[in-house]
Amino acid sequence: MTQDEKYMKRCLQLARGGRRNAKPNPMVGAVIVARDRIIGEGYHVRCGEGHAEVNAFASVKPQDEHLLPEATIYVSLEPCSHYGKTPPCADLIIKKGVKRAVVGCVDPFAKVHGNGIRKLKDAGIDVEVGVLEEECKRLNECFFTFNTLRRPYILLKWCQTANGYLDDEYKPLRMSTPYTQMLVHKLRSEYDAILVGRVTAERDKPQLNVRLWHGKDPMRLVIDKEHPCFDGLDFSNSNDVPSQIAEWLYKQSMQSLIVEGGAKTLQGFIDAGLWDEIRVETVPVVVSGGTKAPHLDDELLAFADRKVYDRNIVDTFRRGDSRDGHMKIENLQ
């Protein structure tokens, strides 16, 4: 690991402190280094308040301020270059007179996108971009998806039996353990909206809120012809419903969506290509029949992670080249 990577790792650690309150802004961490020593660090704590760079400079002790002209500032995301709720961070970096800036990744937001980096370079600051770039992008995958694809980041999630059913002879079947149920609520607290289909809403009566974790409830959406979740939702072509929902959520500035069921709703998003991540919890139970779990094209799956909790297996897949960590979803059953 290089020195630049080491300090960028620290930026990422700091940035995660803003997971709850930075939204809709991205999570960003910043570290200021001089003479092989961190003299300042900070992260974006809350939307509308100081950005990571502001907090990092504010943390520099008076006796270390003379080191700034020889310092390097590390930032996980490109410094902003425009006036929003706070002044441009690129201007602050220039004012402080640091000699070098290392940026994890370019900001996809149109008002920034390359302009912050350009400002620093024009001011004579040595700028390096792309240190731990993929890790920096992954940290803010919802923000990146929202600004590049113009839709929310979409997570599909379900729980299935060992032989691939969502229920027991079409009757609800409790499958999550107390611990994995808590993890679901933690996940909900991090997302802007949550969606289920009508059958799931009527049969399982899910509350779709956050109870077993601290955090804000996501916006609750149910696909129901009789009670549309927003005005103008057109059911004349059922295949088009997922894209209409994604477009509406984008207009509502919702950066992330969890789809929790049921099978028809999940399959609709899969068939429309509207998903970024899939989490499947598989339990050591076999049933004789019921609702089959959704079907996926294995070539679109990139296996990302596997965790085991009380014999329940939680697998995570992402979109991408399945040559990296390829695993057929049938192997979960």
C-alpha atoms as a PDB file:
ATOM      1  CA  MET A   1       0.000   0.000   0.000  1.00  0.00           C
ATOM      2  CA  THR A   2       1.366   3.408  -0.986  1.00  0.00           C
ATOM      3  CA  GLN A   3       1.348   6.441   1.278  1.00  0.00           C
ATOM      4  CA  ASP A   4      -1.376   8.012  -0.845  1.00  0.00           C
ATOM      5  CA  GLU A   5      -3.525   4.888  -0.509  1.00  0.00           C
ATOM      6  CA  LYS A   6      -2.967   4.781   3.242  1.00  0.00           C
ATOM      7  CA  TYR A   7      -4.232   8.315   3.730  1.00  0.00           C
ATOM      8  CA  MET A   8      -7.111   7.798   1.290  1.00  0.00           C
ATOM      9  CA  LYS A   9      -8.148   4.782   3.370  1.00  0.00           C
ATOM     10  CA  ARG A  10      -8.348   7.128   6.331  1.00  0.00           C
ATOM     11  CA  CYS A  11     -10.526   9.490   4.278  1.00  0.00           C
ATOM     12  CA  LEU A  12     -12.935   6.636   3.617  1.00  0.00           C
ATOM     13  CA  GLN A  13     -13.018   5.686   7.303  1.00  0.00           C
ATOM     14  CA  LEU A  14     -13.872   9.250   8.244  1.00  0.00           C
ATOM     15  CA  ALA A  15     -16.450   9.660   5.480  1.00  0.00           C
ATOM     16  CA  ARG A  16     -18.587   6.804   6.820  1.00  0.00           C
ATOM     17  CA  GLY A  17     -19.322   8.926   9.873  1.00  0.00           C
ATOM     18  CA  GLY A  18     -21.734  10.920   7.718  1.00  0.00           C
ATOM     19  CA  ARG A  19     -23.813   7.944   6.597  1.00  0.00           C
ATOM     20  CA  ARG A  20     -26.891   8.979   8.543  1.00  0.00           C
ATOM     21  CA  ASN A  21     -26.947  12.771   8.288  1.00  0.00           C
ATOM     22  CA  ALA A  22     -25.012  13.798   5.166  1.00  0.00           C
ATOM     23  CA  LYS A  23     -27.807  12.806   2.750  1.00  0.00           C
ATOM     24  CA  PRO A  24     -28.673  13.892   0.145  1.00  0.00           C
ATOM     25  CA  ASN A  25     -25.045  15.014  -0.042  1.00  0.00           C
ATOM     26  CA  PRO A  26     -22.375  12.350  -0.497  1.00  0.00           C
ATOM     27  CA  MET A  27     -20.214  11.022   2.332  1.00  0.00           C
ATOM     28  CA  VAL A  28     -16.775  12.625   2.112  1.00  0.00           C
ATOM     29  CA  GLY A  29     -13.642  12.442   4.240  1.00  0.00           C
ATOM     30  CA  ALA A  30     -10.539  14.657   4.131  1.00  0.00           C
ATOM     31  CA  VAL A  31      -7.065  14.346   5.641  1.00  0.00           C
ATOM     32  CA  ILE A  32      -4.264  16.946   5.669  1.00  0.00           C
ATOM     33  CA  VAL A  33      -0.724  15.551   5.857  1.00  0.00           C
ATOM     34  CA  ALA A  34       2.596  17.351   6.357  1.00  0.00           C
ATOM     35  CA  ARG A  35       5.995  15.825   7.111  1.00  0.00           C
ATOM     36  CA  ASP A  36       4.482  12.320   7.185  1.00  0.00           C
ATOM     37  CA  ARG A  37       2.033  13.327   9.896  1.00  0.00           C
ATOM     38  CA  ILE A  38      -1.713  13.970   9.865  1.00  0.00           C
ATOM     39  CA  ILE A  39      -2.179  17.552  11.008  1.00  0.00           C
ATOM     40  CA  GLY A  40      -5.896  17.800  10.261  1.00  0.00           C
ATOM     41  CA  GLU A  41      -8.851  15.619   9.315  1.00  0.00           C
ATOM     42  CA  GLY A  42     -12.599  15.798   9.055  1.00  0.00           C
ATOM     43  CA  TYR A  43     -15.723  14.563   7.296  1.00  0.00           C
ATOM     44  CA  HIS A  44     -19.045  15.935   6.086  1.00  0.00           C
ATOM     45  CA  VAL A  45     -21.219  15.460   9.159  1.00  0.00           C
ATOM     46  CA  ARG A  46     -24.563  16.908   8.117  1.00  0.00           C
ATOM     47  CA  CYS A  47     -26.173  18.346   4.989  1.00  0.00           C
ATOM     48  CA  GLY A  48     -26.089  22.131   5.063  1.00  0.00           C
ATOM     49  CA  GLU A  49     -23.064  22.242   7.351  1.00  0.00           C
ATOM     50  CA  GLY A  50     -19.315  22.302   6.698  1.00  0.00           C
ATOM     51  CA  HIS A  51     -17.907  19.916   4.114  1.00  0.00           C
ATOM     52  CA  ALA A  52     -15.064  17.518   4.857  1.00  0.00           C
ATOM     53  CA  GLU A  53     -12.363  19.949   3.711  1.00  0.00           C
ATOM     54  CA  VAL A  54     -13.745  22.749   5.910  1.00  0.00           C
ATOM     55  CA  ASN A  55     -13.752  20.501   8.966  1.00  0.00           C
ATOM     56  CA  ALA A  56     -10.283  19.168   8.196  1.00  0.00           C
ATOM     57  CA  PHE A  57      -8.764  22.660   8.004  1.00  0.00           C
ATOM     58  CA  ALA A  58     -10.649  23.707  11.143  1.00  0.00           C
ATOM     59  CA  SER A  59      -9.022  20.822  13.038  1.00  0.00           C
ATOM     60  CA  VAL A  60      -5.469  21.962  12.276  1.00  0.00           C
ATOM     61  CA  LYS A  61      -3.859  23.192  15.479  1.00  0.00           C
ATOM     62  CA  PRO A  62      -2.447  26.736  15.501  1.00  0.00           C
ATOM     63  CA  GLN A  63       1.089  25.420  15.967  1.00  0.00           C
ATOM     64  CA  ASP A  64       0.732  23.358  12.752  1.00  0.00           C
ATOM     65  CA  GLU A  65      -0.706  26.021  10.472  1.00  0.00           C
ATOM     66  CA  HIS A  66       2.753  27.023   9.247  1.00  0.00           C
ATOM     67  CA  LEU A  67       3.016  23.542   7.680  1.00  0.00           C
ATOM     68  CA  LEU A  68       0.086  24.069   5.295  1.00  0.00           C
ATOM     69  CA  PRO A  69       2.197  25.407   2.385  1.00  0.00           C
ATOM     70  CA  GLU A  70       4.052  22.084   2.296  1.00  0.00           C
ATOM     71  CA  ALA A  71       1.014  19.911   3.031  1.00  0.00           C
ATOM     72  CA  THR A  72      -1.026  17.485   0.935  1.00  0.00           C
ATOM     73  CA  ILE A  73      -4.792  17.327   1.326  1.00  0.00           C
ATOM     74  CA  TYR A  74      -6.481  13.996   0.619  1.00  0.00           C
ATOM     75  CA  VAL A  75     -10.193  14.033  -0.248  1.00  0.00           C
ATOM     76  CA  SER A  76     -12.313  10.994  -1.118  1.00  0.00           C
ATOM     77  CA  LEU A  77     -14.466  13.021  -3.548  1.00  0.00           C
ATOM     78  CA  GLU A  78     -13.613  15.974  -5.771  1.00  0.00           C
ATOM     79  CA  PRO A  79     -13.850  19.291  -3.849  1.00  0.00           C
ATOM     80  CA  CYS A  80     -16.929  21.312  -4.757  1.00  0.00           C
ATOM     81  CA  SER A  81     -16.446  24.362  -6.958  1.00  0.00           C
ATOM     82  CA  HIS A  82     -19.822  26.099  -6.681  1.00  0.00           C
ATOM     83  CA  TYR A  83     -21.840  28.017  -4.120  1.00  0.00           C
ATOM     84  CA  GLY A  84     -24.562  25.871  -2.610  1.00  0.00           C
ATOM     85  CA  LYS A  85     -25.483  25.891   1.068  1.00  0.00           C
ATOM     86  CA  THR A  86     -21.765  26.421   1.744  1.00  0.00           C
ATOM     87  CA  PRO A  87     -18.934  28.167  -0.190  1.00  0.00           C
ATOM     88  CA  PRO A  88     -16.737  26.222  -2.644  1.00  0.00           C
ATOM     89  CA  CYS A  89     -14.221  23.924  -0.958  1.00  0.00           C
ATOM     90  CA  ALA A  90     -11.845  24.283  -3.916  1.00  0.00           C
ATOM     91  CA  ASP A  91     -11.551  28.006  -3.085  1.00  0.00           C
ATOM     92  CA  LEU A  92     -10.769  27.177   0.546  1.00  0.00           C
ATOM     93  CA  ILE A  93      -8.007  24.742  -0.448  1.00  0.00           C
ATOM     94  CA  ILE A  94      -6.463  27.393  -2.699  1.00  0.00           C
ATOM     95  CA  LYS A  95      -6.719  30.013   0.055  1.00  0.00           C
ATOM     96  CA  LYS A  96      -4.982  27.742   2.565  1.00  0.00           C
ATOM     97  CA  GLY A  97      -2.061  27.362   0.178  1.00  0.00           C
ATOM     98  CA  VAL A  98      -1.474  23.610   0.246  1.00  0.00           C
ATOM     99  CA  LYS A  99       0.951  22.409  -2.409  1.00  0.00           C
ATOM    100  CA  ARG A 100      -0.741  19.118  -3.380  1.00  0.00           C
ATOM    101  CA  ALA A 101      -4.207  17.557  -3.499  1.00  0.00           C
ATOM    102  CA  VAL A 102      -5.049  13.867  -3.893  1.00  0.00           C
ATOM    103  CA  VAL A 103      -8.634  13.166  -4.965  1.00  0.00           C
ATOM    104  CA  GLY A 104     -10.259   9.743  -4.751  1.00  0.00           C
ATOM    105  CA  CYS A 105     -12.754  10.219  -7.566  1.00  0.00           C
ATOM    106  CA  VAL A 106     -14.436  12.848  -9.715  1.00  0.00           C
ATOM    107  CA  ASP A 107     -17.796  14.168  -8.498  1.00  0.00           C
ATOM    108  CA  PRO A 108     -20.603  13.127 -10.916  1.00  0.00           C
ATOM    109  CA  PHE A 109     -22.778  16.087  -9.890  1.00  0.00           C
ATOM    110  CA  ALA A 110     -23.060  18.333 -12.956  1.00  0.00           C
ATOM    111  CA  LYS A 111     -22.209  21.569 -11.120  1.00  0.00           C
ATOM    112  CA  VAL A 112     -18.897  20.098  -9.939  1.00  0.00           C
ATOM    113  CA  HIS A 113     -17.843  17.326 -12.367  1.00  0.00           C
ATOM    114  CA  GLY A 114     -14.196  18.204 -13.029  1.00  0.00           C
ATOM    115  CA  ASN A 115     -14.537  21.898 -12.212  1.00  0.00           C
ATOM    116  CA  GLY A 116     -13.131  21.563  -8.698  1.00  0.00           C
ATOM    117  CA  ILE A 117     -10.063  19.722  -9.966  1.00  0.00           C
ATOM    118  CA  ARG A 118      -9.614  22.281 -12.747  1.00  0.00           C
ATOM    119  CA  LYS A 119      -9.760  25.132 -10.224  1.00  0.00           C
ATOM    120  CA  LEU A 120      -7.018  23.578  -8.117  1.00  0.00           C
ATOM    121  CA  LYS A 121      -4.777  22.935 -11.109  1.00  0.00           C
ATOM    122  CA  ASP A 122      -5.287  26.462 -12.428  1.00  0.00           C
ATOM    123  CA  ALA A 123      -4.146  27.748  -9.027  1.00  0.00           C
ATOM    124  CA  GLY A 124      -0.876  25.832  -9.379  1.00  0.00           C
ATOM    125  CA  ILE A 125      -1.706  23.006  -7.002  1.00  0.00           C
ATOM    126  CA  ASP A 126      -0.352  19.567  -7.930  1.00  0.00           C
ATOM    127  CA  VAL A 127      -3.454  17.351  -8.253  1.00  0.00           C
ATOM    128  CA  GLU A 128      -3.618  13.572  -8.462  1.00  0.00           C
ATOM    129  CA  VAL A 129      -6.966  11.889  -9.170  1.00  0.00           C
ATOM    130  CA  GLY A 130      -8.050   8.261  -8.886  1.00  0.00           C
ATOM    131  CA  VAL A 131      -6.392   6.927  -5.723  1.00  0.00           C
ATOM    132  CA  LEU A 132      -8.613   4.055  -4.505  1.00  0.00           C
ATOM    133  CA  GLU A 133     -11.128   5.281  -7.060  1.00  0.00           C
ATOM    134  CA  GLU A 134     -13.419   2.237  -7.016  1.00  0.00           C
ATOM    135  CA  GLU A 135     -13.603   2.207  -3.222  1.00  0.00           C
ATOM    136  CA  CYS A 136     -14.414   5.908  -3.198  1.00  0.00           C
ATOM    137  CA  LYS A 137     -17.178   5.432  -5.776  1.00  0.00           C
ATOM    138  CA  ARG A 138     -18.601   2.411  -3.943  1.00  0.00           C
ATOM    139  CA  LEU A 139     -18.893   4.438  -0.740  1.00  0.00           C
ATOM    140  CA  ASN A 140     -21.379   6.745  -2.476  1.00  0.00           C
ATOM    141  CA  GLU A 141     -22.924   4.330  -4.971  1.00  0.00           C
ATOM    142  CA  CYS A 142     -26.421   5.740  -4.399  1.00  0.00           C
ATOM    143  CA  PHE A 143     -25.209   9.286  -5.088  1.00  0.00           C
ATOM    144  CA  PHE A 144     -23.297   8.176  -8.199  1.00  0.00           C
ATOM    145  CA  THR A 145     -26.221   6.156  -9.592  1.00  0.00           C
ATOM    146  CA  PHE A 146     -28.628   9.039  -9.007  1.00  0.00           C
ATOM    147  CA  ASN A 147     -26.396  11.547 -10.807  1.00  0.00           C
ATOM    148  CA  THR A 148     -25.242   9.353 -13.688  1.00  0.00           C
ATOM    149  CA  LEU A 149     -28.265   7.133 -14.449  1.00  0.00           C
ATOM    150  CA  ARG A 150     -30.856   9.671 -13.286  1.00  0.00           C
ATOM    151  CA  ARG A 151     -32.666   7.161 -11.125  1.00  0.00           C
ATOM    152  CA  PRO A 152     -32.315   5.846  -7.573  1.00  0.00           C
ATOM    153  CA  TYR A 153     -29.894   3.090  -6.633  1.00  0.00           C
ATOM    154  CA  ILE A 154     -32.116  -0.009  -6.472  1.00  0.00           C
ATOM    155  CA  LEU A 155     -31.625  -2.913  -4.082  1.00  0.00           C
ATOM    156  CA  LEU A 156     -33.732  -6.051  -4.528  1.00  0.00           C
ATOM    157  CA  LYS A 157     -34.046  -8.147  -1.388  1.00  0.00           C
ATOM    158  CA  TRP A 158     -35.785 -11.386  -0.530  1.00  0.00           C
ATOM    159  CA  CYS A 159     -35.658 -14.366   1.791  1.00  0.00           C
ATOM    160  CA  GLN A 160     -36.020 -17.880   0.387  1.00  0.00           C
ATOM    161  CA  THR A 161     -36.033 -21.495   1.472  1.00  0.00           C
ATOM    162  CA  ALA A 162     -33.185 -23.879   0.672  1.00  0.00           C
ATOM    163  CA  ASN A 163     -35.151 -25.139  -2.347  1.00  0.00           C
ATOM    164  CA  GLY A 164     -35.976 -21.674  -3.665  1.00  0.00           C
ATOM    165  CA  TYR A 165     -39.436 -20.728  -2.390  1.00  0.00           C
ATOM    166  CA  LEU A 166     -40.571 -17.453  -0.836  1.00  0.00           C
ATOM    167  CA  ASP A 167     -43.311 -19.024   1.266  1.00  0.00           C
ATOM    168  CA  ASP A 168     -44.828 -22.347   2.319  1.00  0.00           C
ATOM    169  CA  GLU A 169     -47.663 -23.383  -0.003  1.00  0.00           C
ATOM    170  CA  TYR A 170     -48.437 -19.666  -0.602  1.00  0.00           C
ATOM    171  CA  LYS A 171     -48.716 -18.987   3.136  1.00  0.00           C
ATOM    172  CA  PRO A 172     -46.348 -16.587   4.936  1.00  0.00           C
ATOM    173  CA  LEU A 173     -43.291 -18.287   6.398  1.00  0.00           C
ATOM    174  CA  ARG A 174     -41.107 -16.571   8.984  1.00  0.00           C
ATOM    175  CA  MET A 175     -37.548 -17.135   7.809  1.00  0.00           C
ATOM    176  CA  SER A 176     -35.291 -14.354   9.108  1.00  0.00           C
ATOM    177  CA  THR A 177     -33.573 -14.791  12.466  1.00  0.00           C
ATOM    178  CA  PRO A 178     -33.779 -11.999  15.062  1.00  0.00           C
ATOM    179  CA  TYR A 179     -30.289 -10.921  14.003  1.00  0.00           C
ATOM    180  CA  THR A 180     -30.894 -10.883  10.240  1.00  0.00           C
ATOM    181  CA  GLN A 181     -34.192  -9.093  10.879  1.00  0.00           C
ATOM    182  CA  MET A 182     -32.253  -6.403  12.733  1.00  0.00           C
ATOM    183  CA  LEU A 183     -29.884  -6.118   9.756  1.00  0.00           C
ATOM    184  CA  VAL A 184     -32.888  -5.556   7.486  1.00  0.00           C
ATOM    185  CA  HIS A 185     -34.018  -2.657   9.672  1.00  0.00           C
ATOM    186  CA  LYS A 186     -30.505  -1.207   9.622  1.00  0.00           C
ATOM    187  CA  LEU A 187     -30.631  -1.401   5.834  1.00  0.00           C
ATOM    188  CA  ARG A 188     -34.020   0.312   5.723  1.00  0.00           C
ATOM    189  CA  SER A 189     -32.653   3.171   7.825  1.00  0.00           C
ATOM    190  CA  GLU A 190     -30.060   3.850   5.111  1.00  0.00           C
ATOM    191  CA  TYR A 191     -32.494   3.961   2.165  1.00  0.00           C
ATOM    192  CA  ASP A 192     -34.861   6.687   1.006  1.00  0.00           C
ATOM    193  CA  ALA A 193     -37.795   4.546  -0.163  1.00  0.00           C
ATOM    194  CA  ILE A 194     -39.111   1.000   0.207  1.00  0.00           C
ATOM    195  CA  LEU A 195     -41.492  -0.841  -2.131  1.00  0.00           C
ATOM    196  CA  VAL A 196     -43.645  -3.973  -2.139  1.00  0.00           C
ATOM    197  CA  GLY A 197     -46.437  -5.276  -4.361  1.00  0.00           C
ATOM    198  CA  ARG A 198     -50.113  -5.416  -3.465  1.00  0.00           C
ATOM    199  CA  VAL A 199     -50.197  -9.154  -2.693  1.00  0.00           C
ATOM    200  CA  THR A 200     -47.294  -8.873  -0.268  1.00  0.00           C
ATOM    201  CA  ALA A 201     -48.868  -5.843   1.386  1.00  0.00           C
ATOM    202  CA  GLU A 202     -52.221  -7.598   1.835  1.00  0.00           C
ATOM    203  CA  ARG A 203     -50.921 -11.034   2.807  1.00  0.00           C
ATOM    204  CA  ASP A 204     -47.905 -10.194   4.992  1.00  0.00           C
ATOM    205  CA  LYS A 205     -49.051  -6.737   6.148  1.00  0.00           C
ATOM    206  CA  PRO A 206     -45.466  -5.468   6.472  1.00  0.00           C
ATOM    207  CA  GLN A 207     -44.957  -2.162   8.271  1.00  0.00           C
ATOM    208  CA  LEU A 208     -41.936  -1.360   6.052  1.00  0.00           C
ATOM    209  CA  ASN A 209     -40.474   0.970   8.673  1.00  0.00           C
ATOM    210  CA  VAL A 210     -37.440   1.067  10.975  1.00  0.00           C
ATOM    211  CA  ARG A 211     -38.083  -0.478  14.399  1.00  0.00           C
ATOM    212  CA  LEU A 212     -35.075  -2.603  15.305  1.00  0.00           C
ATOM    213  CA  TRP A 213     -32.501   0.051  14.460  1.00  0.00           C
ATOM    214  CA  HIS A 214     -32.185   3.791  14.975  1.00  0.00           C
ATOM    215  CA  GLY A 215     -32.950   5.897  11.937  1.00  0.00           C
ATOM    216  CA  LYS A 216     -35.527   7.494   9.700  1.00  0.00           C
ATOM    217  CA  ASP A 217     -38.283   5.443   8.074  1.00  0.00           C
ATOM    218  CA  PRO A 218     -38.031   5.167   4.284  1.00  0.00           C
ATOM    219  CA  MET A 219     -40.906   6.382   2.099  1.00  0.00           C
ATOM    220  CA  ARG A 220     -43.444   3.530   1.901  1.00  0.00           C
ATOM    221  CA  LEU A 221     -44.668   2.551  -1.582  1.00  0.00           C
ATOM    222  CA  VAL A 222     -47.102  -0.207  -2.597  1.00  0.00           C
ATOM    223  CA  ILE A 223     -47.841  -1.149  -6.210  1.00  0.00           C
ATOM    224  CA  ASP A 224     -51.627  -1.258  -6.215  1.00  0.00           C
ATOM    225  CA  LYS A 225     -53.914  -0.461  -9.162  1.00  0.00           C
ATOM    226  CA  GLU A 226     -56.751   0.520  -6.836  1.00  0.00           C
ATOM    227  CA  HIS A 227     -54.546   2.821  -4.771  1.00  0.00           C
ATOM    228  CA  PRO A 228     -51.626   4.081  -6.914  1.00  0.00           C
ATOM    229  CA  CYS A 229     -48.619   5.168  -4.883  1.00  0.00           C
ATOM    230  CA  PHE A 230     -48.486   8.427  -6.850  1.00  0.00           C
ATOM    231  CA  ASP A 231     -50.701  10.341  -9.275  1.00  0.00           C
ATOM    232  CA  GLY A 232     -50.202   9.449 -12.919  1.00  0.00           C
ATOM    233  CA  LEU A 233     -48.903   5.906 -12.431  1.00  0.00           C
ATOM    234  CA  ASP A 234     -50.076   4.087 -15.575  1.00  0.00           C
ATOM    235  CA  PHE A 235     -50.861   0.364 -15.224  1.00  0.00           C
ATOM    236  CA  SER A 236     -51.876  -0.161 -18.876  1.00  0.00           C
ATOM    237  CA  ASN A 237     -48.461  -1.735 -19.506  1.00  0.00           C
ATOM    238  CA  SER A 238     -47.358  -3.604 -16.380  1.00  0.00           C
ATOM    239  CA  ASN A 239     -43.823  -4.004 -17.756  1.00  0.00           C
ATOM    240  CA  ASP A 240     -43.433  -0.234 -17.673  1.00  0.00           C
ATOM    241  CA  VAL A 241     -44.430   0.231 -14.021  1.00  0.00           C
ATOM    242  CA  PRO A 242     -40.905  -0.203 -12.544  1.00  0.00           C
ATOM    243  CA  SER A 243     -39.439   2.441 -14.864  1.00  0.00           C
ATOM    244  CA  GLN A 244     -42.278   4.865 -14.033  1.00  0.00           C
ATOM    245  CA  ILE A 245     -41.582   4.381 -10.317  1.00  0.00           C
ATOM    246  CA  ALA A 246     -37.844   4.906 -10.805  1.00  0.00           C
ATOM    247  CA  GLU A 247     -38.483   8.084 -12.808  1.00  0.00           C
ATOM    248  CA  TRP A 248     -40.929   9.437 -10.215  1.00  0.00           C
ATOM    249  CA  LEU A 249     -38.514   8.746  -7.353  1.00  0.00           C
ATOM    250  CA  TYR A 250     -35.772  10.571  -9.234  1.00  0.00           C
ATOM    251  CA  LYS A 251     -38.028  13.616  -9.547  1.00  0.00           C
ATOM    252  CA  GLN A 252     -38.653  13.394  -5.786  1.00  0.00           C
ATOM    253  CA  SER A 253     -34.850  13.466  -5.230  1.00  0.00           C
ATOM    254  CA  MET A 254     -34.930   9.960  -3.765  1.00  0.00           C
ATOM    255  CA  GLN A 255     -31.482   8.473  -4.273  1.00  0.00           C
ATOM    256  CA  SER A 256     -32.158   4.901  -3.135  1.00  0.00           C
ATOM    257  CA  LEU A 257     -34.912   2.277  -3.182  1.00  0.00           C
ATOM    258  CA  ILE A 258     -35.328  -1.150  -1.557  1.00  0.00           C
ATOM    259  CA  VAL A 259     -37.723  -3.558  -3.251  1.00  0.00           C
ATOM    260  CA  GLU A 260     -38.742  -6.204  -0.705  1.00  0.00           C
ATOM    261  CA  GLY A 261     -41.289  -8.223  -2.651  1.00  0.00           C
ATOM    262  CA  GLY A 262     -43.181 -10.042  -3.707  1.00  0.00           C
ATOM    263  CA  ALA A 263     -42.045 -12.332  -6.501  1.00  0.00           C
ATOM    264  CA  LYS A 264     -43.922 -10.570  -9.308  1.00  0.00           C
ATOM    265  CA  THR A 265     -42.715  -7.135  -8.246  1.00  0.00           C
ATOM    266  CA  LEU A 266     -39.108  -8.277  -7.863  1.00  0.00           C
ATOM    267  CA  GLN A 267     -39.210 -10.039 -11.237  1.00  0.00           C
ATOM    268  CA  GLY A 268     -40.633  -6.917 -12.842  1.00  0.00           C
ATOM    269  CA  PHE A 269     -37.627  -4.862 -11.740  1.00  0.00           C
ATOM    270  CA  ILE A 270     -35.247  -7.643 -12.823  1.00  0.00           C
ATOM    271  CA  ASP A 271     -36.838  -7.925 -16.272  1.00  0.00           C
ATOM    272  CA  ALA A 272     -36.704  -4.134 -16.677  1.00  0.00           C
ATOM    273  CA  GLY A 273     -32.999  -4.145 -15.802  1.00  0.00           C
ATOM    274  CA  LEU A 274     -33.722  -1.791 -12.913  1.00  0.00           C
ATOM    275  CA  TRP A 275     -31.482  -3.072 -10.166  1.00  0.00           C
ATOM    276  CA  ASP A 276     -27.978  -2.471  -8.863  1.00  0.00           C
ATOM    277  CA  GLU A 277     -27.693  -4.885  -5.966  1.00  0.00           C
ATOM    278  CA  ILE A 278     -29.446  -8.068  -4.872  1.00  0.00           C
ATOM    279  CA  ARG A 279     -29.425  -9.553  -1.384  1.00  0.00           C
ATOM    280  CA  VAL A 280     -30.771 -13.054  -0.878  1.00  0.00           C
ATOM    281  CA  GLU A 281     -31.197 -14.638   2.526  1.00  0.00           C
ATOM    282  CA  THR A 282     -31.401 -18.434   2.258  1.00  0.00           C
ATOM    283  CA  VAL A 283     -32.667 -20.455   5.205  1.00  0.00           C
ATOM    284  CA  PRO A 284     -32.029 -24.167   5.960  1.00  0.00           C
ATOM    285  CA  VAL A 285     -35.687 -25.082   5.427  1.00  0.00           C
ATOM    286  CA  VAL A 286     -37.265 -27.113   2.627  1.00  0.00           C
ATOM    287  CA  VAL A 287     -40.949 -26.783   1.696  1.00  0.00           C
ATOM    288  CA  SER A 288     -43.074 -28.810  -0.704  1.00  0.00           C
ATOM    289  CA  GLY A 289     -44.175 -25.861  -2.825  1.00  0.00           C
ATOM    290  CA  GLY A 290     -45.349 -22.274  -3.006  1.00  0.00           C
ATOM    291  CA  THR A 291     -44.151 -19.073  -4.671  1.00  0.00           C
ATOM    292  CA  LYS A 292     -40.868 -19.541  -6.502  1.00  0.00           C
ATOM    293  CA  ALA A 293     -38.070 -17.042  -5.917  1.00  0.00           C
ATOM    294  CA  PRO A 294     -37.289 -14.617  -8.773  1.00  0.00           C
ATOM    295  CA  HIS A 295     -35.229 -15.800 -11.745  1.00  0.00           C
ATOM    296  CA  LEU A 296     -32.031 -14.008 -12.739  1.00  0.00           C
ATOM    297  CA  ASP A 297     -29.739 -14.089 -15.732  1.00  0.00           C
ATOM    298  CA  ASP A 298     -26.514 -15.475 -14.273  1.00  0.00           C
ATOM    299  CA  GLU A 299     -24.419 -13.502 -16.750  1.00  0.00           C
ATOM    300  CA  LEU A 300     -25.559 -10.254 -15.146  1.00  0.00           C
ATOM    301  CA  LEU A 301     -24.571 -11.336 -11.636  1.00  0.00           C
ATOM    302  CA  ALA A 302     -21.277 -10.527  -9.973  1.00  0.00           C
ATOM    303  CA  PHE A 303     -20.997 -12.273  -6.626  1.00  0.00           C
ATOM    304  CA  ALA A 304     -19.950  -9.714  -4.001  1.00  0.00           C
ATOM    305  CA  ASP A 305     -20.250 -11.147  -0.507  1.00  0.00           C
ATOM    306  CA  ARG A 306     -21.485 -14.026   1.658  1.00  0.00           C
ATOM    307  CA  LYS A 307     -22.264 -13.909   5.363  1.00  0.00           C
ATOM    308  CA  VAL A 308     -23.667 -16.679   7.590  1.00  0.00           C
ATOM    309  CA  TYR A 309     -25.853 -15.811  10.569  1.00  0.00           C
ATOM    310  CA  ASP A 310     -27.363 -18.584  12.693  1.00  0.00           C
ATOM    311  CA  ARG A 311     -27.236 -20.960   9.688  1.00  0.00           C
ATOM    312  CA  ASN A 312     -28.990 -18.421   7.461  1.00  0.00           C
ATOM    313  CA  ILE A 313     -26.856 -17.465   4.453  1.00  0.00           C
ATOM    314  CA  VAL A 314     -26.976 -13.894   3.144  1.00  0.00           C
ATOM    315  CA  ASP A 315     -25.508 -13.496  -0.343  1.00  0.00           C
ATOM    316  CA  THR A 316     -24.966 -10.170  -2.063  1.00  0.00           C
ATOM    317  CA  PHE A 317     -24.769  -9.745  -5.830  1.00  0.00           C
ATOM    318  CA  ARG A 318     -24.069  -6.673  -7.914  1.00  0.00           C
ATOM    319  CA  ARG A 319     -24.530  -5.900 -11.565  1.00  0.00           C
ATOM    320  CA  GLY A 320     -21.413  -6.333 -13.595  1.00  0.00           C
ATOM    321  CA  ASP A 321     -19.042  -8.716 -15.293  1.00  0.00           C
ATOM    322  CA  SER A 322     -19.752 -12.092 -13.745  1.00  0.00           C
ATOM    323  CA  ARG A 323     -16.209 -13.216 -14.536  1.00  0.00           C
ATOM    324  CA  ASP A 324     -15.275 -11.590 -11.223  1.00  0.00           C
ATOM    325  CA  GLY A 325     -16.516 -13.904  -8.504  1.00  0.00           C
ATOM    326  CA  HIS A 326     -19.103 -15.668 -10.673  1.00  0.00           C
ATOM    327  CA  MET A 327     -21.721 -17.704  -8.827  1.00  0.00           C
ATOM    328  CA  LYS A 328     -24.993 -18.995 -10.210  1.00  0.00           C
ATOM    329  CA  ILE A 329     -27.975 -18.063  -8.083  1.00  0.00           C
ATOM    330  CA  GLU A 330     -29.116 -21.691  -8.329  1.00  0.00           C
ATOM    331  CA  ASN A 331     -26.072 -22.545  -6.197  1.00  0.00           C
ATOM    332  CA  LEU A 332     -27.789 -20.795  -3.297  1.00  0.00           C
ATOM    333  CA  GLN A 333     -30.630 -23.300  -3.344  1.00  0.00           C
END
